[in-house]
Amino acid sequence: MSFGQGGPGWGPGDQRTPDWNALADTAAASRARRRRWALIGGGAAATVAVAAIVAVAVVRGGGDGTSDDPTTALPTPADLPSGPSQPEPDFTEAPPPPNPYEFISDPDKDTAPRTAEGFFPAETIEVEGRTFARVAAQSTDDCSSAAREELAKVLTDGGCAELHRATFTRDGVAITVGIAVLPSEKAAVQAKEDARPYVAPLAAGPVPEDFCRYSACRSSANAYGRYTYFTLSGYLDGTNVTPEEEKALNAGRDLAAHTQDRIHLRGEEQAAAAATAPPAD
């Protein structure tokens, strides 16, 4: 008697006693088959899952770097919205500021008003810690009337248009400064070279009328731009200035340096005004 094909059989002698060894072998074989099918099924499922992941990646990225799915495609730079238009930066170099020296060398640019008080507006000035008091200031368009001896002729021949003078005092010394306005830088340099001997003193206050008329004084001449400037320094008490002493000499040097600074300042002011002036129509 049997249970059919593949079923468990009875043991030898057909004594209705189960063959336990055969049953055990049959159960083991059945478990092995189930294990193989489970492994095969799991491997197939894993293969399907990997294939699905690869398919999604291909769909999203595209084989050629593009996407057919508008919901998953990444934007390219061309797709990004552009910002508001901005003006292109201007790298053009700004023109250099005007040169102050040009304004005190060129009559066409040197057009600001000129007066002795304009050149020397302060009643006291300080040069290198030394203080000078202004006691007189005067301007004239008759240059020869404010110059002595050969200097009067030099200024006239050179085309001097104005002569501005101021007198300062300090510690018993008086110094007259003169600024002659010439038509060009060349004419100013020539006047400096030909200057003999000095600008006329300008008397006022403690400075006597005969200042430097009957006593020896120191004189100097220099040029800056189209201006020739002079100094005359001496003692208020009429003492002669000797070649060895330096008090009057140093006072004249201080005022000469201050005068050049004032002329240069005139150029700076005119250059600054030109730089900020609106363009001509």
Protein backbone atom coordinates (compact mmCIF):
# COMPACT_ATOMS: atom_id res chain seq x y z
CA MET A 1 0.00 0.00 0.00
CA SER A 2 1.31 3.49 -0.80
CA PHE A 3 0.23 7.14 -0.57
CA GLY A 4 0.95 7.71 -4.24
CA GLN A 5 3.95 8.94 -6.12
CA GLY A 6 6.30 10.82 -3.96
CA GLY A 7 4.47 9.99 -0.69
CA PRO A 8 6.08 8.36 2.33
CA GLY A 9 6.34 4.56 2.23
CA TRP A 10 6.24 1.95 4.86
CA GLY A 11 9.23 0.10 6.09
CA PRO A 12 10.33 -3.43 5.16
CA GLY A 13 7.98 -6.30 5.93
CA ASP A 14 4.99 -3.99 5.46
CA GLN A 15 4.22 -4.14 9.12
CA ARG A 16 2.55 -0.68 8.99
CA THR A 17 5.49 0.83 10.77
CA PRO A 18 6.66 4.17 9.19
CA ASP A 19 10.11 4.33 7.72
CA TRP A 20 11.34 7.26 9.76
CA ASN A 21 14.60 7.55 7.88
CA ALA A 22 12.76 7.93 4.58
CA LEU A 23 10.45 10.50 6.05
CA ALA A 24 13.35 12.48 7.42
CA ASP A 25 15.06 12.43 4.01
CA THR A 26 11.88 13.56 2.30
CA ALA A 27 11.41 16.49 4.73
CA ALA A 28 15.02 17.60 4.33
CA ALA A 29 14.70 17.53 0.54
CA SER A 30 11.55 19.61 0.73
CA ARG A 31 13.20 22.22 2.92
CA ALA A 32 16.17 22.43 0.60
CA ARG A 33 13.89 23.01 -2.40
CA ARG A 34 12.07 25.81 -0.58
CA ARG A 35 15.37 27.40 0.40
CA ARG A 36 16.59 27.35 -3.23
CA TRP A 37 13.37 28.93 -4.50
CA ALA A 38 13.59 31.59 -1.81
CA LEU A 39 17.16 32.44 -2.81
CA ILE A 40 16.25 32.49 -6.47
CA GLY A 41 13.20 34.66 -5.79
CA GLY A 42 15.20 37.08 -3.61
CA GLY A 43 17.95 37.39 -6.21
CA ALA A 44 15.38 38.08 -8.90
CA ALA A 45 13.71 40.71 -6.75
CA ALA A 46 17.07 42.38 -6.07
CA THR A 47 17.88 42.36 -9.77
CA VAL A 48 14.52 43.97 -10.52
CA ALA A 49 15.11 46.61 -7.83
CA VAL A 50 18.58 47.48 -9.21
CA ALA A 51 17.17 47.65 -12.71
CA ALA A 52 14.43 49.98 -11.46
CA ILE A 53 16.99 52.27 -9.79
CA VAL A 54 19.09 52.39 -12.95
CA ALA A 55 16.00 53.13 -15.02
CA VAL A 56 15.03 56.02 -12.74
CA ALA A 57 18.54 57.42 -12.91
CA VAL A 58 18.49 57.21 -16.71
CA VAL A 59 15.11 58.88 -16.87
CA ARG A 60 16.22 61.67 -14.54
CA GLY A 61 19.65 62.25 -15.98
CA GLY A 62 19.09 61.09 -19.54
CA GLY A 63 21.65 59.21 -21.48
CA ASP A 64 22.87 62.46 -23.06
CA GLY A 65 22.77 64.67 -19.96
CA THR A 66 19.17 65.84 -20.53
CA SER A 67 15.83 64.86 -19.03
CA ASP A 68 12.53 63.94 -20.64
CA ASP A 69 10.65 64.36 -17.35
CA PRO A 70 9.87 68.06 -16.71
CA THR A 71 9.09 67.35 -13.07
CA THR A 72 12.53 65.92 -12.32
CA ALA A 73 14.79 67.74 -14.80
CA LEU A 74 17.41 70.05 -13.23
CA PRO A 75 17.50 73.63 -14.57
CA THR A 76 20.36 74.58 -16.83
CA PRO A 77 22.00 78.08 -16.64
CA ALA A 78 19.97 79.09 -19.69
CA ASP A 79 16.76 78.18 -17.84
CA LEU A 80 17.57 80.31 -14.76
CA PRO A 81 15.84 83.68 -14.55
CA SER A 82 18.11 86.59 -15.32
CA GLY A 83 18.50 89.37 -12.77
CA PRO A 84 17.77 93.03 -13.44
CA SER A 85 20.10 94.54 -15.97
CA GLN A 86 23.00 96.45 -14.46
CA PRO A 87 25.08 99.17 -16.13
CA GLU A 88 28.46 98.06 -17.28
CA PRO A 89 31.28 99.37 -15.04
CA ASP A 90 33.13 102.32 -16.47
CA PHE A 91 36.86 101.80 -16.21
CA THR A 92 37.73 105.03 -17.96
CA GLU A 93 40.38 106.87 -15.97
CA ALA A 94 39.36 110.23 -14.60
CA PRO A 95 41.35 113.11 -16.08
CA PRO A 96 44.18 114.34 -13.87
CA PRO A 97 43.43 117.45 -11.79
CA PRO A 98 44.61 120.75 -13.24
CA ASN A 99 48.18 121.74 -12.46
CA PRO A 100 48.21 124.84 -10.21
CA TYR A 101 51.45 126.03 -11.77
CA GLU A 102 49.75 126.34 -15.15
CA PHE A 103 47.34 128.87 -13.69
CA ILE A 104 50.08 131.16 -12.47
CA SER A 105 52.07 130.83 -15.68
CA ASP A 106 49.39 131.37 -18.33
CA PRO A 107 47.64 134.79 -18.46
CA ASP A 108 44.61 133.17 -20.12
CA LYS A 109 44.10 130.95 -17.04
CA ASP A 110 45.38 133.33 -14.37
CA THR A 111 42.27 135.51 -14.29
CA ALA A 112 41.39 135.80 -10.58
CA PRO A 113 41.55 139.33 -9.10
CA ARG A 114 44.87 140.49 -7.65
CA THR A 115 45.46 142.90 -4.78
CA ALA A 116 48.16 143.35 -2.15
CA GLU A 117 45.62 142.46 0.54
CA GLY A 118 44.67 139.38 -1.47
CA PHE A 119 48.25 138.15 -1.52
CA PHE A 120 48.81 139.08 2.13
CA PRO A 121 45.41 139.06 3.86
CA ALA A 122 46.57 138.33 7.43
CA GLU A 123 47.73 141.05 9.80
CA THR A 124 50.22 138.59 11.28
CA ILE A 125 51.91 135.62 9.65
CA GLU A 126 54.08 132.84 11.02
CA VAL A 127 57.01 131.27 9.19
CA GLU A 128 58.90 128.41 10.84
CA GLY A 129 57.64 129.55 14.24
CA ARG A 130 58.65 133.20 13.68
CA THR A 131 55.87 135.80 13.72
CA PHE A 132 55.75 138.89 11.50
CA ALA A 133 53.29 141.78 11.66
CA ARG A 134 51.94 143.37 8.50
CA VAL A 135 52.06 147.18 8.74
CA ALA A 136 51.27 148.23 5.15
CA ALA A 137 49.91 146.91 1.83
CA GLN A 138 49.59 148.68 -1.52
CA SER A 139 49.00 147.86 -5.21
CA THR A 140 49.77 149.83 -8.36
CA ASP A 141 49.64 149.33 -12.12
CA ASP A 142 52.59 151.73 -12.52
CA CYS A 143 55.36 149.29 -11.72
CA SER A 144 58.18 151.81 -12.18
CA SER A 145 56.76 153.99 -9.39
CA ALA A 146 57.30 151.21 -6.85
CA ALA A 147 60.84 150.27 -7.91
CA ARG A 148 64.26 151.87 -7.57
CA GLU A 149 66.93 152.68 -10.12
CA GLU A 150 67.48 150.00 -12.74
CA LEU A 151 64.66 147.77 -11.49
CA ALA A 152 62.09 150.34 -12.61
CA LYS A 153 63.38 150.11 -16.19
CA VAL A 154 63.62 146.31 -16.07
CA LEU A 155 59.95 146.02 -15.06
CA THR A 156 58.82 148.50 -17.66
CA ASP A 157 60.77 146.80 -20.44
CA GLY A 158 59.51 143.41 -19.32
CA GLY A 159 55.84 144.41 -19.57
CA CYS A 160 55.04 144.54 -15.85
CA ALA A 161 51.30 145.15 -15.45
CA GLU A 162 50.98 145.35 -11.66
CA LEU A 163 53.18 145.58 -8.59
CA HIS A 164 51.80 144.57 -5.19
CA ARG A 165 53.77 145.44 -2.03
CA ALA A 166 53.46 144.76 1.69
CA THR A 167 55.74 145.59 4.60
CA PHE A 168 56.23 143.42 7.70
CA THR A 169 58.19 143.94 10.89
CA ARG A 170 59.76 141.64 13.46
CA ASP A 171 62.28 142.21 16.24
CA GLY A 172 63.61 145.54 14.97
CA VAL A 173 63.71 144.45 11.31
CA ALA A 174 61.41 145.64 8.52
CA ILE A 175 60.87 143.77 5.26
CA THR A 176 59.11 145.08 2.16
CA VAL A 177 57.90 142.42 -0.26
CA GLY A 178 56.98 143.22 -3.89
CA ILE A 179 55.15 140.96 -6.39
CA ALA A 180 55.40 142.01 -10.04
CA VAL A 181 52.95 140.53 -12.56
CA LEU A 182 54.64 139.83 -15.92
CA PRO A 183 53.07 138.66 -19.19
CA SER A 184 54.78 135.26 -19.22
CA GLU A 185 56.99 132.88 -17.26
CA LYS A 186 59.89 133.76 -19.54
CA ALA A 187 59.46 137.48 -18.89
CA ALA A 188 59.33 136.85 -15.13
CA VAL A 189 62.58 134.89 -15.18
CA GLN A 190 64.24 137.61 -17.27
CA ALA A 191 63.13 140.30 -14.82
CA LYS A 192 64.62 138.27 -11.97
CA GLU A 193 67.94 137.97 -13.81
CA ASP A 194 68.08 141.68 -14.68
CA ALA A 195 66.82 143.03 -11.33
CA ARG A 196 69.08 145.81 -9.98
CA PRO A 197 69.00 146.70 -7.21
CA TYR A 198 65.65 146.55 -5.30
CA VAL A 199 61.94 147.20 -4.92
CA ALA A 200 61.06 150.54 -3.31
CA PRO A 201 60.37 150.26 0.46
CA LEU A 202 56.78 150.78 1.62
CA ALA A 203 56.76 152.85 4.80
CA ALA A 204 53.98 152.87 7.41
CA GLY A 205 53.60 152.69 11.18
CA PRO A 206 57.00 152.02 12.77
CA VAL A 207 58.72 151.95 9.37
CA PRO A 208 60.15 155.45 8.65
CA GLU A 209 59.87 157.16 5.28
CA ASP A 210 63.62 157.01 4.80
CA PHE A 211 63.79 153.29 5.48
CA CYS A 212 66.70 151.83 3.49
CA ARG A 213 67.35 155.14 1.75
CA TYR A 214 70.47 156.05 3.68
CA SER A 215 71.42 152.72 5.21
CA ALA A 216 72.57 149.47 3.68
CA CYS A 217 69.82 146.82 3.33
CA ARG A 218 69.56 143.33 1.86
CA SER A 219 67.57 142.70 -1.30
CA SER A 220 66.54 139.56 -3.22
CA ALA A 221 64.69 138.64 -6.40
CA ASN A 222 63.11 135.40 -7.58
CA ALA A 223 60.48 134.17 -10.03
CA TYR A 224 57.57 131.72 -9.83
CA GLY A 225 55.24 131.26 -12.75
CA ARG A 226 54.74 134.63 -14.41
CA TYR A 227 55.45 136.45 -11.15
CA THR A 228 58.73 138.04 -10.09
CA TYR A 229 58.91 138.73 -6.36
CA PHE A 230 61.36 140.85 -4.41
CA THR A 231 62.34 141.48 -0.79
CA LEU A 232 64.10 144.40 0.88
CA SER A 233 65.07 143.95 4.55
CA GLY A 234 66.84 146.29 6.97
CA TYR A 235 66.90 147.67 10.50
CA LEU A 236 64.28 150.10 11.71
CA ASP A 237 66.89 152.18 13.53
CA GLY A 238 68.90 152.75 10.37
CA THR A 239 71.77 150.41 11.26
CA ASN A 240 73.58 149.15 8.19
CA VAL A 241 73.15 145.51 7.28
CA THR A 242 76.61 143.99 6.97
CA PRO A 243 77.60 140.91 4.97
CA GLU A 244 78.41 139.06 8.20
CA GLU A 245 75.10 139.47 10.05
CA GLU A 246 72.12 137.18 9.32
CA LYS A 247 69.16 138.67 11.18
CA ALA A 248 67.91 140.81 8.31
CA LEU A 249 68.99 138.16 5.82
CA ASN A 250 66.92 135.43 7.53
CA ALA A 251 63.91 137.74 7.82
CA GLY A 252 64.07 138.40 4.08
CA ARG A 253 64.33 134.68 3.36
CA ASP A 254 61.29 133.94 5.54
CA LEU A 255 59.17 136.50 3.71
CA ALA A 256 60.41 135.32 0.30
CA ALA A 257 59.35 131.75 1.11
CA HIS A 258 55.97 132.97 2.38
CA THR A 259 55.46 135.03 -0.78
CA GLN A 260 56.08 132.06 -3.06
CA ASP A 261 53.63 130.02 -0.98
CA ARG A 262 51.01 132.72 -1.46
CA ILE A 263 51.55 132.79 -5.23
CA HIS A 264 51.29 129.00 -5.36
CA LEU A 265 48.10 129.11 -3.30
CA ARG A 266 46.64 131.41 -5.93
CA GLY A 267 47.33 128.72 -8.53
CA GLU A 268 45.79 126.00 -6.33
CA GLU A 269 42.60 128.00 -5.79
CA GLN A 270 42.13 128.65 -9.49
CA ALA A 271 42.90 125.02 -10.38
CA ALA A 272 40.35 123.79 -7.84
CA ALA A 273 37.73 126.18 -9.20
CA ALA A 274 38.39 124.95 -12.75
CA ALA A 275 38.11 121.30 -11.68
CA THR A 276 34.69 121.80 -10.10
CA ALA A 277 33.26 124.17 -12.70
CA PRO A 278 30.31 122.79 -14.75
CA PRO A 279 31.14 121.99 -18.39
CA ALA A 280 30.56 124.77 -20.87
CA ASP A 281 27.48 124.48 -23.10
